C-alpha atoms as a PDB file:
ATOM      1  CA  UNK A   1      42.436 148.225  45.210  1.00  0.00           C
ATOM      2  CA  UNK A   2      42.690 145.053  43.066  1.00  0.00           C
ATOM      3  CA  UNK A   3      44.492 142.017  44.481  1.00  0.00           C
ATOM      4  CA  UNK A   4      47.261 142.420  41.904  1.00  0.00           C
ATOM      5  CA  UNK A   5      47.745 146.102  42.868  1.00  0.00           C
ATOM      6  CA  UNK A   6      47.716 145.262  46.551  1.00  0.00           C
ATOM      7  CA  UNK A   7      50.314 142.531  46.115  1.00  0.00           C
ATOM      8  CA  UNK A   8      52.548 144.884  44.202  1.00  0.00           C
ATOM      9  CA  UNK A   9      52.284 147.361  47.079  1.00  0.00           C
ATOM     10  CA  UNK A  10      53.220 144.624  49.542  1.00  0.00           C
ATOM     11  CA  UNK A  11      56.534 144.308  47.733  1.00  0.00           C
ATOM     12  CA  UNK A  12      57.067 147.919  46.815  1.00  0.00           C
ATOM     13  CA  UNK A  13      57.113 149.191  50.437  1.00  0.00           C
ATOM     14  CA  UNK A  14      59.860 146.806  51.612  1.00  0.00           C
ATOM     15  CA  UNK A  15      61.847 147.585  48.509  1.00  0.00           C
ATOM     16  CA  UNK A  16      61.812 151.294  49.375  1.00  0.00           C
ATOM     17  CA  UNK A  17      62.623 150.637  52.929  1.00  0.00           C
ATOM     18  CA  UNK A  18      65.427 148.238  51.926  1.00  0.00           C
ATOM     19  CA  UNK A  19      67.578 151.234  51.091  1.00  0.00           C
ATOM     20  CA  UNK A  20      67.489 152.127  54.788  1.00  0.00           C
ATOM     21  CA  UNK A  21      67.680 148.645  56.143  1.00  0.00           C
ATOM     22  CA  UNK A  22      70.085 148.050  58.981  1.00  0.00           C
ATOM     23  CA  UNK A  23      72.260 144.948  59.422  1.00  0.00           C
ATOM     24  CA  UNK A  24      70.697 142.089  61.326  1.00  0.00           C
ATOM     25  CA  UNK A  25      70.880 142.876  65.039  1.00  0.00           C
ATOM     26  CA  UNK A  26      71.621 140.670  67.998  1.00  0.00           C
ATOM     27  CA  UNK A  27      68.746 139.154  69.913  1.00  0.00           C
ATOM     28  CA  UNK A  28      67.016 141.214  72.589  1.00  0.00           C
ATOM     29  CA  UNK A  29      68.291 140.794  76.167  1.00  0.00           C
ATOM     30  CA  UNK A  30      65.058 139.150  77.280  1.00  0.00           C
ATOM     31  CA  UNK A  31      65.502 136.303  74.841  1.00  0.00           C
ATOM     32  CA  UNK A  32      69.244 135.863  75.150  1.00  0.00           C
ATOM     33  CA  UNK A  33      68.741 133.191  77.782  1.00  0.00           C
ATOM     34  CA  UNK A  34      66.399 130.276  78.511  1.00  0.00           C
ATOM     35  CA  UNK A  35      66.641 130.691  82.214  1.00  0.00           C
ATOM     36  CA  UNK A  36      63.253 131.030  83.956  1.00  0.00           C
ATOM     37  CA  UNK A  37      62.306 134.513  85.239  1.00  0.00           C
ATOM     38  CA  UNK A  38      60.386 135.088  88.475  1.00  0.00           C
ATOM     39  CA  UNK A  39      57.819 137.905  88.477  1.00  0.00           C
ATOM     40  CA  UNK A  40      54.729 139.231  90.101  1.00  0.00           C
ATOM     41  CA  UNK A  41      51.948 140.978  88.097  1.00  0.00           C
ATOM     42  CA  UNK A  42      49.832 143.158  90.334  1.00  0.00           C
ATOM     43  CA  UNK A  43      46.694 144.793  88.964  1.00  0.00           C
ATOM     44  CA  UNK A  44      42.927 144.456  88.433  1.00  0.00           C
ATOM     45  CA  UNK A  45      43.291 140.704  87.834  1.00  0.00           C
ATOM     46  CA  UNK A  46      39.689 139.818  88.713  1.00  0.00           C
ATOM     47  CA  UNK A  47      38.148 142.588  86.533  1.00  0.00           C
ATOM     48  CA  UNK A  48      40.430 141.638  83.652  1.00  0.00           C
ATOM     49  CA  UNK A  49      39.543 138.004  83.995  1.00  0.00           C
ATOM     50  CA  UNK A  50      35.825 138.693  84.065  1.00  0.00           C
ATOM     51  CA  UNK A  51      35.855 141.179  81.172  1.00  0.00           C
ATOM     52  CA  UNK A  52      38.229 139.129  78.999  1.00  0.00           C
ATOM     53  CA  UNK A  53      35.520 137.341  76.931  1.00  0.00           C
ATOM     54  CA  UNK A  54      33.928 140.656  75.956  1.00  0.00           C
ATOM     55  CA  UNK A  55      36.852 143.107  75.782  1.00  0.00           C
ATOM     56  CA  UNK A  56      40.611 143.399  75.221  1.00  0.00           C
ATOM     57  CA  UNK A  57      40.814 146.779  76.862  1.00  0.00           C
ATOM     58  CA  UNK A  58      44.208 147.434  78.533  1.00  0.00           C
ATOM     59  CA  UNK A  59      44.358 148.110  82.249  1.00  0.00           C
ATOM     60  CA  UNK A  60      47.197 149.605  84.262  1.00  0.00           C
ATOM     61  CA  UNK A  61      49.308 147.129  86.387  1.00  0.00           C
ATOM     62  CA  UNK A  62      52.729 146.688  87.895  1.00  0.00           C
ATOM     63  CA  UNK A  63      55.233 144.008  86.990  1.00  0.00           C
ATOM     64  CA  UNK A  64      57.869 143.194  89.676  1.00  0.00           C
ATOM     65  CA  UNK A  65      60.821 141.166  88.415  1.00  0.00           C
ATOM     66  CA  UNK A  66      62.859 139.188  90.978  1.00  0.00           C
ATOM     67  CA  UNK A  67      66.427 138.550  89.823  1.00  0.00           C
ATOM     68  CA  UNK A  68      69.787 138.102  91.566  1.00  0.00           C
ATOM     69  CA  UNK A  69      68.267 138.873  94.935  1.00  0.00           C
ATOM     70  CA  UNK A  70      66.912 142.212  93.813  1.00  0.00           C
ATOM     71  CA  UNK A  71      63.591 143.620  92.604  1.00  0.00           C
ATOM     72  CA  UNK A  72      62.807 145.786  89.633  1.00  0.00           C
ATOM     73  CA  UNK A  73      59.382 147.335  89.279  1.00  0.00           C
ATOM     74  CA  UNK A  74      57.771 148.345  85.915  1.00  0.00           C
ATOM     75  CA  UNK A  75      54.589 150.175  85.228  1.00  0.00           C
ATOM     76  CA  UNK A  76      52.767 148.270  82.513  1.00  0.00           C
ATOM     77  CA  UNK A  77      49.366 147.811  80.965  1.00  0.00           C
ATOM     78  CA  UNK A  78      47.803 144.337  80.681  1.00  0.00           C
ATOM     79  CA  UNK A  79      45.002 143.203  78.369  1.00  0.00           C
ATOM     80  CA  UNK A  80      43.456 139.858  77.446  1.00  0.00           C
ATOM     81  CA  UNK A  81      44.299 138.523  74.013  1.00  0.00           C
ATOM     82  CA  UNK A  82      43.564 135.533  71.797  1.00  0.00           C
ATOM     83  CA  UNK A  83      40.239 134.097  70.692  1.00  0.00           C
ATOM     84  CA  UNK A  84      39.383 130.588  72.006  1.00  0.00           C
ATOM     85  CA  UNK A  85      41.275 130.968  75.302  1.00  0.00           C
ATOM     86  CA  UNK A  86      39.335 134.107  76.164  1.00  0.00           C
ATOM     87  CA  UNK A  87      36.125 132.040  76.097  1.00  0.00           C
ATOM     88  CA  UNK A  88      35.279 131.111  79.744  1.00  0.00           C
ATOM     89  CA  UNK A  89      33.956 127.794  78.520  1.00  0.00           C
ATOM     90  CA  UNK A  90      37.533 126.988  77.422  1.00  0.00           C
ATOM     91  CA  UNK A  91      39.750 128.721  79.968  1.00  0.00           C
ATOM     92  CA  UNK A  92      39.146 130.556  83.222  1.00  0.00           C
ATOM     93  CA  UNK A  93      42.193 132.800  82.723  1.00  0.00           C
ATOM     94  CA  UNK A  94      43.093 134.475  79.434  1.00  0.00           C
ATOM     95  CA  UNK A  95      46.503 134.872  77.698  1.00  0.00           C
ATOM     96  CA  UNK A  96      47.774 138.397  78.171  1.00  0.00           C
ATOM     97  CA  UNK A  97      49.506 141.238  76.351  1.00  0.00           C
ATOM     98  CA  UNK A  98      52.046 143.149  78.421  1.00  0.00           C
ATOM     99  CA  UNK A  99      52.446 146.732  77.278  1.00  0.00           C
ATOM    100  CA  UNK A 100      55.717 148.403  78.309  1.00  0.00           C
ATOM    101  CA  UNK A 101      56.850 151.978  78.143  1.00  0.00           C
ATOM    102  CA  UNK A 102      59.902 151.549  75.932  1.00  0.00           C
ATOM    103  CA  UNK A 103      61.531 154.696  77.436  1.00  0.00           C
ATOM    104  CA  UNK A 104      61.330 153.232  80.926  1.00  0.00           C
ATOM    105  CA  UNK A 105      62.941 149.828  80.224  1.00  0.00           C
ATOM    106  CA  UNK A 106      66.279 151.057  78.801  1.00  0.00           C
ATOM    107  CA  UNK A 107      69.176 149.225  80.395  1.00  0.00           C
ATOM    108  CA  UNK A 108      66.996 146.481  81.782  1.00  0.00           C
ATOM    109  CA  UNK A 109      66.170 142.987  80.649  1.00  0.00           C
ATOM    110  CA  UNK A 110      63.100 144.382  78.909  1.00  0.00           C
ATOM    111  CA  UNK A 111      65.095 146.874  76.831  1.00  0.00           C
ATOM    112  CA  UNK A 112      63.609 147.158  73.357  1.00  0.00           C
ATOM    113  CA  UNK A 113      60.314 145.628  74.301  1.00  0.00           C
ATOM    114  CA  UNK A 114      56.949 147.272  73.666  1.00  0.00           C
ATOM    115  CA  UNK A 115      54.103 144.755  73.599  1.00  0.00           C
ATOM    116  CA  UNK A 116      54.855 141.261  74.707  1.00  0.00           C
ATOM    117  CA  UNK A 117      52.601 138.223  74.423  1.00  0.00           C
ATOM    118  CA  UNK A 118      52.387 136.190  77.619  1.00  0.00           C
ATOM    119  CA  UNK A 119      51.086 132.624  77.477  1.00  0.00           C
ATOM    120  CA  UNK A 120      49.312 131.899  80.755  1.00  0.00           C
ATOM    121  CA  UNK A 121      47.735 128.955  82.495  1.00  0.00           C
ATOM    122  CA  UNK A 122      44.302 128.077  81.099  1.00  0.00           C
ATOM    123  CA  UNK A 123      42.580 126.663  84.226  1.00  0.00           C
ATOM    124  CA  UNK A 124      43.474 126.301  87.836  1.00  0.00           C
ATOM    125  CA  UNK A 125      42.974 122.544  87.997  1.00  0.00           C
ATOM    126  CA  UNK A 126      46.077 120.485  88.305  1.00  0.00           C
ATOM    127  CA  UNK A 127      45.252 118.473  85.164  1.00  0.00           C
ATOM    128  CA  UNK A 128      45.755 121.659  83.087  1.00  0.00           C
ATOM    129  CA  UNK A 129      49.149 122.626  84.574  1.00  0.00           C
ATOM    130  CA  UNK A 130      51.220 120.787  82.008  1.00  0.00           C
ATOM    131  CA  UNK A 131      49.546 122.431  78.917  1.00  0.00           C
ATOM    132  CA  UNK A 132      51.576 125.692  78.758  1.00  0.00           C
ATOM    133  CA  UNK A 133      54.789 123.697  79.504  1.00  0.00           C
ATOM    134  CA  UNK A 134      54.105 121.500  76.421  1.00  0.00           C
ATOM    135  CA  UNK A 135      53.323 124.466  74.259  1.00  0.00           C
ATOM    136  CA  UNK A 136      56.514 126.082  75.426  1.00  0.00           C
ATOM    137  CA  UNK A 137      58.439 123.031  74.375  1.00  0.00           C
ATOM    138  CA  UNK A 138      56.864 123.066  70.936  1.00  0.00           C
ATOM    139  CA  UNK A 139      58.349 126.601  70.446  1.00  0.00           C
ATOM    140  CA  UNK A 140      61.698 125.348  71.697  1.00  0.00           C
ATOM    141  CA  UNK A 141      61.661 122.401  69.263  1.00  0.00           C
ATOM    142  CA  UNK A 142      61.077 124.686  66.320  1.00  0.00           C
ATOM    143  CA  UNK A 143      63.823 127.033  67.507  1.00  0.00           C
ATOM    144  CA  UNK A 144      66.220 124.017  67.479  1.00  0.00           C
ATOM    145  CA  UNK A 145      65.314 123.405  63.831  1.00  0.00           C
ATOM    146  CA  UNK A 146      65.699 126.960  62.510  1.00  0.00           C
ATOM    147  CA  UNK A 147      66.581 130.489  63.712  1.00  0.00           C
ATOM    148  CA  UNK A 148      63.615 131.692  61.601  1.00  0.00           C
ATOM    149  CA  UNK A 149      61.352 131.029  64.614  1.00  0.00           C
ATOM    150  CA  UNK A 150      59.967 132.748  67.661  1.00  0.00           C
ATOM    151  CA  UNK A 151      62.134 132.731  70.758  1.00  0.00           C
ATOM    152  CA  UNK A 152      60.382 132.157  74.092  1.00  0.00           C
ATOM    153  CA  UNK A 153      61.343 132.795  77.758  1.00  0.00           C
ATOM    154  CA  UNK A 154      59.832 130.818  80.636  1.00  0.00           C
ATOM    155  CA  UNK A 155      58.434 132.707  83.608  1.00  0.00           C
ATOM    156  CA  UNK A 156      57.174 131.776  87.056  1.00  0.00           C
ATOM    157  CA  UNK A 157      54.346 134.297  87.695  1.00  0.00           C
ATOM    158  CA  UNK A 158      52.368 135.246  90.708  1.00  0.00           C
ATOM    159  CA  UNK A 159      49.245 137.231  89.977  1.00  0.00           C
ATOM    160  CA  UNK A 160      48.219 139.601  92.793  1.00  0.00           C
ATOM    161  CA  UNK A 161      45.007 141.627  92.909  1.00  0.00           C
ATOM    162  CA  UNK A 162      45.768 145.321  93.328  1.00  0.00           C
ATOM    163  CA  UNK A 163      45.173 146.514  96.883  1.00  0.00           C
ATOM    164  CA  UNK A 164      45.202 143.055  98.467  1.00  0.00           C
ATOM    165  CA  UNK A 165      47.984 141.477 100.507  1.00  0.00           C
ATOM    166  CA  UNK A 166      47.158 137.931  99.556  1.00  0.00           C
ATOM    167  CA  UNK A 167      48.550 136.526  96.366  1.00  0.00           C
ATOM    168  CA  UNK A 168      47.605 133.558  94.289  1.00  0.00           C
ATOM    169  CA  UNK A 169      49.924 130.623  93.739  1.00  0.00           C
ATOM    170  CA  UNK A 170      52.824 130.682  91.393  1.00  0.00           C
ATOM    171  CA  UNK A 171      51.976 129.779  87.791  1.00  0.00           C
ATOM    172  CA  UNK A 172      54.040 128.778  84.778  1.00  0.00           C
ATOM    173  CA  UNK A 173      53.873 130.913  81.665  1.00  0.00           C
ATOM    174  CA  UNK A 174      56.180 132.107  78.891  1.00  0.00           C
ATOM    175  CA  UNK A 175      56.872 135.242  76.870  1.00  0.00           C
ATOM    176  CA  UNK A 176      56.978 135.220  73.092  1.00  0.00           C
ATOM    177  CA  UNK A 177      59.386 137.237  71.056  1.00  0.00           C
ATOM    178  CA  UNK A 178      57.859 139.953  68.821  1.00  0.00           C
ATOM    179  CA  UNK A 179      57.780 139.194  65.123  1.00  0.00           C
ATOM    180  CA  UNK A 180      59.746 142.402  64.320  1.00  0.00           C
ATOM    181  CA  UNK A 181      62.589 141.106  66.445  1.00  0.00           C
ATOM    182  CA  UNK A 182      62.399 137.659  64.763  1.00  0.00           C
ATOM    183  CA  UNK A 183      62.626 139.420  61.407  1.00  0.00           C
ATOM    184  CA  UNK A 184      65.379 141.804  62.409  1.00  0.00           C
ATOM    185  CA  UNK A 185      67.801 139.234  63.813  1.00  0.00           C
ATOM    186  CA  UNK A 186      67.392 137.217  60.587  1.00  0.00           C
ATOM    187  CA  UNK A 187      67.917 140.192  58.246  1.00  0.00           C
ATOM    188  CA  UNK A 188      64.290 140.308  57.222  1.00  0.00           C
ATOM    189  CA  UNK A 189      61.033 142.272  57.597  1.00  0.00           C
ATOM    190  CA  UNK A 190      57.522 141.234  58.454  1.00  0.00           C
ATOM    191  CA  UNK A 191      55.199 141.404  55.430  1.00  0.00           C
ATOM    192  CA  UNK A 192      51.396 141.382  55.155  1.00  0.00           C
ATOM    193  CA  UNK A 193      49.019 140.231  52.445  1.00  0.00           C
ATOM    194  CA  UNK A 194      45.435 139.358  51.879  1.00  0.00           C
ATOM    195  CA  UNK A 195      44.133 135.797  52.179  1.00  0.00           C
ATOM    196  CA  UNK A 196      45.496 133.568  49.381  1.00  0.00           C
ATOM    197  CA  UNK A 197      47.171 136.650  47.835  1.00  0.00           C
ATOM    198  CA  UNK A 198      50.694 135.267  47.725  1.00  0.00           C
ATOM    199  CA  UNK A 199      51.281 132.345  45.266  1.00  0.00           C
ATOM    200  CA  UNK A 200      52.781 129.200  46.674  1.00  0.00           C
ATOM    201  CA  UNK A 201      55.881 129.544  44.457  1.00  0.00           C
ATOM    202  CA  UNK A 202      56.938 132.719  46.282  1.00  0.00           C
ATOM    203  CA  UNK A 203      57.465 130.868  49.533  1.00  0.00           C
ATOM    204  CA  UNK A 204      60.938 129.573  50.468  1.00  0.00           C
ATOM    205  CA  UNK A 205      60.661 125.872  49.605  1.00  0.00           C
ATOM    206  CA  UNK A 206      63.111 124.665  52.384  1.00  0.00           C
ATOM    207  CA  UNK A 207      61.563 126.632  55.183  1.00  0.00           C
ATOM    208  CA  UNK A 208      58.006 125.883  54.073  1.00  0.00           C
ATOM    209  CA  UNK A 209      58.792 122.135  53.945  1.00  0.00           C
ATOM    210  CA  UNK A 210      60.405 122.356  57.381  1.00  0.00           C
ATOM    211  CA  UNK A 211      57.289 124.113  58.711  1.00  0.00           C
ATOM    212  CA  UNK A 212      54.884 121.483  57.294  1.00  0.00           C
ATOM    213  CA  UNK A 213      56.996 118.657  58.712  1.00  0.00           C
ATOM    214  CA  UNK A 214      57.159 120.329  62.129  1.00  0.00           C
ATOM    215  CA  UNK A 215      53.416 120.865  62.223  1.00  0.00           C
ATOM    216  CA  UNK A 216      53.044 117.189  61.320  1.00  0.00           C
ATOM    217  CA  UNK A 217      55.428 116.167  64.113  1.00  0.00           C
ATOM    218  CA  UNK A 218      53.388 118.010  66.807  1.00  0.00           C
ATOM    219  CA  UNK A 219      50.117 117.049  65.174  1.00  0.00           C
ATOM    220  CA  UNK A 220      48.980 120.647  64.563  1.00  0.00           C
ATOM    221  CA  UNK A 221      46.273 121.412  61.979  1.00  0.00           C
ATOM    222  CA  UNK A 222      45.406 124.854  63.327  1.00  0.00           C
ATOM    223  CA  UNK A 223      47.462 126.892  60.797  1.00  0.00           C
ATOM    224  CA  UNK A 224      47.688 128.086  57.275  1.00  0.00           C
ATOM    225  CA  UNK A 225      50.473 130.195  55.615  1.00  0.00           C
ATOM    226  CA  UNK A 226      48.245 131.370  52.703  1.00  0.00           C
ATOM    227  CA  UNK A 227      44.732 131.696  54.037  1.00  0.00           C
ATOM    228  CA  UNK A 228      43.382 133.615  56.984  1.00  0.00           C
ATOM    229  CA  UNK A 229      40.201 133.032  58.921  1.00  0.00           C
ATOM    230  CA  UNK A 230      36.997 133.921  57.153  1.00  0.00           C
ATOM    231  CA  UNK A 231      36.947 137.701  56.563  1.00  0.00           C
ATOM    232  CA  UNK A 232      40.548 138.175  57.653  1.00  0.00           C
ATOM    233  CA  UNK A 233      43.809 138.728  55.875  1.00  0.00           C
ATOM    234  CA  UNK A 234      46.579 136.108  55.618  1.00  0.00           C
ATOM    235  CA  UNK A 235      47.495 134.051  57.648  1.00  0.00           C
ATOM    236  CA  UNK A 236      46.324 131.694  60.357  1.00  0.00           C
ATOM    237  CA  UNK A 237      48.720 131.239  63.269  1.00  0.00           C
ATOM    238  CA  UNK A 238      51.553 132.181  60.873  1.00  0.00           C
ATOM    239  CA  UNK A 239      53.623 135.344  60.408  1.00  0.00           C
ATOM    240  CA  UNK A 240      55.387 136.008  57.148  1.00  0.00           C
ATOM    241  CA  UNK A 241      58.874 137.466  56.847  1.00  0.00           C
ATOM    242  CA  UNK A 242      61.069 138.206  53.797  1.00  0.00           C
ATOM    243  CA  UNK A 243      64.186 140.078  52.842  1.00  0.00           C
ATOM    244  CA  UNK A 244      63.536 143.727  51.958  1.00  0.00           C
ATOM    245  CA  UNK A 245      62.875 144.267  48.260  1.00  0.00           C
ATOM    246  CA  UNK A 246      62.486 140.538  47.431  1.00  0.00           C
ATOM    247  CA  UNK A 247      59.252 139.102  46.122  1.00  0.00           C
ATOM    248  CA  UNK A 248      60.290 135.479  46.724  1.00  0.00           C
ATOM    249  CA  UNK A 249      61.812 133.394  49.440  1.00  0.00           C
ATOM    250  CA  UNK A 250      59.025 134.240  51.886  1.00  0.00           C
ATOM    251  CA  UNK A 251      59.345 132.439  55.218  1.00  0.00           C
ATOM    252  CA  UNK A 252      56.278 131.438  57.254  1.00  0.00           C
ATOM    253  CA  UNK A 253      56.908 131.517  61.007  1.00  0.00           C
ATOM    254  CA  UNK A 254      54.447 129.499  63.101  1.00  0.00           C
ATOM    255  CA  UNK A 255      52.986 130.214  66.540  1.00  0.00           C
ATOM    256  CA  UNK A 256      50.077 129.071  68.788  1.00  0.00           C
ATOM    257  CA  UNK A 257      50.445 125.328  69.259  1.00  0.00           C
ATOM    258  CA  UNK A 258      47.836 124.619  71.939  1.00  0.00           C
ATOM    259  CA  UNK A 259      45.512 122.863  69.451  1.00  0.00           C
ATOM    260  CA  UNK A 260      48.221 120.354  68.542  1.00  0.00           C
ATOM    261  CA  UNK A 261      48.192 116.637  69.407  1.00  0.00           C
ATOM    262  CA  UNK A 262      51.445 117.076  71.257  1.00  0.00           C
ATOM    263  CA  UNK A 263      49.892 119.527  73.713  1.00  0.00           C
ATOM    264  CA  UNK A 264      46.593 117.640  73.585  1.00  0.00           C
ATOM    265  CA  UNK A 265      44.500 120.265  75.376  1.00  0.00           C
ATOM    266  CA  UNK A 266      41.047 119.086  76.506  1.00  0.00           C
ATOM    267  CA  UNK A 267      39.427 121.793  74.512  1.00  0.00           C
ATOM    268  CA  UNK A 268      41.372 121.224  71.234  1.00  0.00           C
ATOM    269  CA  UNK A 269      39.347 119.952  68.294  1.00  0.00           C
ATOM    270  CA  UNK A 270      40.459 119.443  64.657  1.00  0.00           C
ATOM    271  CA  UNK A 271      39.366 122.024  62.043  1.00  0.00           C
ATOM    272  CA  UNK A 272      36.123 121.106  60.355  1.00  0.00           C
ATOM    273  CA  UNK A 273      37.730 120.939  56.861  1.00  0.00           C
ATOM    274  CA  UNK A 274      40.084 118.138  57.921  1.00  0.00           C
ATOM    275  CA  UNK A 275      38.486 114.702  58.304  1.00  0.00           C
ATOM    276  CA  UNK A 276      40.063 113.433  61.482  1.00  0.00           C
ATOM    277  CA  UNK A 277      38.407 112.730  64.755  1.00  0.00           C
ATOM    278  CA  UNK A 278      41.100 113.792  67.172  1.00  0.00           C
ATOM    279  CA  UNK A 279      43.987 116.320  67.287  1.00  0.00           C
ATOM    280  CA  UNK A 280      46.175 113.366  68.102  1.00  0.00           C
ATOM    281  CA  UNK A 281      45.625 112.038  64.582  1.00  0.00           C
ATOM    282  CA  UNK A 282      48.423 113.393  62.313  1.00  0.00           C
ATOM    283  CA  UNK A 283      47.505 114.738  58.918  1.00  0.00           C
ATOM    284  CA  UNK A 284      50.157 116.106  56.536  1.00  0.00           C
ATOM    285  CA  UNK A 285      49.402 119.529  55.054  1.00  0.00           C
ATOM    286  CA  UNK A 286      52.539 120.101  53.061  1.00  0.00           C
ATOM    287  CA  UNK A 287      52.284 121.256  49.449  1.00  0.00           C
ATOM    288  CA  UNK A 288      53.227 118.970  46.531  1.00  0.00           C
ATOM    289  CA  UNK A 289      55.188 121.857  45.030  1.00  0.00           C
ATOM    290  CA  UNK A 290      57.671 121.417  47.913  1.00  0.00           C
ATOM    291  CA  UNK A 291      57.739 117.683  47.776  1.00  0.00           C
ATOM    292  CA  UNK A 292      61.370 117.550  46.554  1.00  0.00           C
ATOM    293  CA  UNK A 293      62.498 119.485  49.630  1.00  0.00           C
ATOM    294  CA  UNK A 294      60.694 117.254  52.049  1.00  0.00           C
ATOM    295  CA  UNK A 295      63.341 114.588  52.385  1.00  0.00           C
ATOM    296  CA  UNK A 296      65.979 117.273  53.049  1.00  0.00           C
ATOM    297  CA  UNK A 297      63.664 118.866  55.607  1.00  0.00           C
ATOM    298  CA  UNK A 298      63.743 115.626  57.627  1.00  0.00           C
ATOM    299  CA  UNK A 299      67.467 115.922  58.205  1.00  0.00           C
ATOM    300  CA  UNK A 300      67.350 118.559  61.039  1.00  0.00           C
ATOM    301  CA  UNK A 301      64.716 116.581  62.811  1.00  0.00           C
ATOM    302  CA  UNK A 302      67.016 113.590  63.019  1.00  0.00           C
ATOM    303  CA  UNK A 303      69.930 115.804  64.012  1.00  0.00           C
ATOM    304  CA  UNK A 304      67.996 117.417  66.869  1.00  0.00           C
ATOM    305  CA  UNK A 305      66.018 114.376  67.908  1.00  0.00           C
ATOM    306  CA  UNK A 306      68.047 113.803  71.084  1.00  0.00           C
ATOM    307  CA  UNK A 307      67.958 117.469  72.004  1.00  0.00           C
ATOM    308  CA  UNK A 308      64.176 117.595  71.647  1.00  0.00           C
ATOM    309  CA  UNK A 309      63.678 114.533  73.733  1.00  0.00           C
ATOM    310  CA  UNK A 310      66.109 115.839  76.344  1.00  0.00           C
ATOM    311  CA  UNK A 311      64.095 119.034  76.621  1.00  0.00           C
ATOM    312  CA  UNK A 312      60.945 117.035  77.204  1.00  0.00           C
ATOM    313  CA  UNK A 313      62.563 114.655  79.666  1.00  0.00           C
ATOM    314  CA  UNK A 314      64.054 117.487  81.695  1.00  0.00           C
ATOM    315  CA  UNK A 315      61.035 119.795  81.753  1.00  0.00           C
ATOM    316  CA  UNK A 316      60.343 120.630  85.426  1.00  0.00           C
ATOM    317  CA  UNK A 317      57.093 120.207  87.313  1.00  0.00           C
ATOM    318  CA  UNK A 318      55.378 117.994  84.728  1.00  0.00           C
ATOM    319  CA  UNK A 319      53.490 114.955  85.907  1.00  0.00           C
ATOM    320  CA  UNK A 320      54.801 111.601  84.738  1.00  0.00           C
ATOM    321  CA  UNK A 321      51.686 110.641  82.776  1.00  0.00           C
ATOM    322  CA  UNK A 322      51.725 113.802  80.716  1.00  0.00           C
ATOM    323  CA  UNK A 323      55.476 113.492  80.040  1.00  0.00           C
ATOM    324  CA  UNK A 324      55.077 109.839  79.005  1.00  0.00           C
ATOM    325  CA  UNK A 325      52.143 110.611  76.691  1.00  0.00           C
ATOM    326  CA  UNK A 326      54.056 113.436  75.018  1.00  0.00           C
ATOM    327  CA  UNK A 327      57.193 111.273  74.697  1.00  0.00           C
ATOM    328  CA  UNK A 328      55.168 108.482  73.087  1.00  0.00           C
ATOM    329  CA  UNK A 329      53.690 110.924  70.609  1.00  0.00           C
ATOM    330  CA  UNK A 330      57.144 112.153  69.510  1.00  0.00           C
ATOM    331  CA  UNK A 331      58.514 108.593  69.321  1.00  0.00           C
ATOM    332  CA  UNK A 332      55.766 107.745  66.862  1.00  0.00           C
ATOM    333  CA  UNK A 333      56.926 110.583  64.529  1.00  0.00           C
ATOM    334  CA  UNK A 334      60.598 109.603  64.729  1.00  0.00           C
ATOM    335  CA  UNK A 335      59.685 105.989  63.991  1.00  0.00           C
ATOM    336  CA  UNK A 336      58.052 107.189  60.805  1.00  0.00           C
ATOM    337  CA  UNK A 337      61.204 109.208  59.882  1.00  0.00           C
ATOM    338  CA  UNK A 338      63.215 106.006  60.264  1.00  0.00           C
ATOM    339  CA  UNK A 339      60.971 104.131  57.883  1.00  0.00           C
ATOM    340  CA  UNK A 340      61.530 105.365  54.279  1.00  0.00           C
ATOM    341  CA  UNK A 341      58.481 103.431  52.956  1.00  0.00           C
ATOM    342  CA  UNK A 342      56.130 104.906  55.544  1.00  0.00           C
ATOM    343  CA  UNK A 343      57.594 108.374  55.056  1.00  0.00           C
ATOM    344  CA  UNK A 344      56.906 108.094  51.313  1.00  0.00           C
ATOM    345  CA  UNK A 345      53.381 106.692  51.758  1.00  0.00           C
ATOM    346  CA  UNK A 346      52.144 108.883  54.627  1.00  0.00           C
ATOM    347  CA  UNK A 347      53.869 112.202  53.737  1.00  0.00           C
ATOM    348  CA  UNK A 348      55.314 112.481  50.318  1.00  0.00           C
ATOM    349  CA  UNK A 349      52.425 110.900  48.521  1.00  0.00           C
ATOM    350  CA  UNK A 350      49.769 112.706  50.633  1.00  0.00           C
ATOM    351  CA  UNK A 351      50.876 116.225  49.887  1.00  0.00           C
ATOM    352  CA  UNK A 352      48.340 118.928  48.956  1.00  0.00           C
ATOM    353  CA  UNK A 353      48.227 119.903  45.343  1.00  0.00           C
END
């Protein structure tokens, strides 16, 4: 199928389905609150950990949720996911996918959930403990800026090897909303396309400018809303959503922020095509086509500045050095927003053509 024919098909299917589209629904119960959840995952943890670099096969497990002095138990399947964090040279514990039986979770906090992404700790050393907390905050920052974003729910997890009484220590992690739910609550649908298949002019200029400025704020270069990795379809660490039947106004929704300067993971390196030495070095990747919207995109950052900093300042169980380093990094960004000449020189005039 030619690229033109494929692109036409991308838009034809949503147009047909648009006739059956339902009104935007309320958010799922799981993501209706930011209160931390306490849970135990019991299963073949050791086998999953050891096999993670080679296989993403799902294994049976049990999730026990502790809430309001009671326990709820769910039969689930767990599987390693991701790319870099499944490499044992990077992390000694992989991110997970939790696979629920939708029929068994009706009437519970997991109602409507099927497969959930769980961001886990990377390594057991104390110096790695703040990394998932900072990545969680990056999601929360973007959620403050726009509802066209992934919701996240913090969890305190204990991993227990099946058949053993002893349990490991409690770890921080967070669950990520499914893209179909993001799209549904915003009256949109997920769309797919080949790498570079969708022209820049079909993207929503306001949301795309907001995205580029957000990625600049957190110092993230590990994304692209038009190109996928070599040999893959669009996109890189971006999902696309649009209104059914419309071929324009496409919204890129970002995820995976562990390679950002804000998180500053020890394993994070800049992409080879960007000439910077450190992920802490900001580099603007916004398109010149959306340059006119860039000034307007800065407004919600100013509006939510205090809320972002308050989230960071109040994040629990984060060591003082990590908090101060993250706060300093955000302050540098907001100082640029307050300086029109720097904003013009370092962002507006450095857009990508």
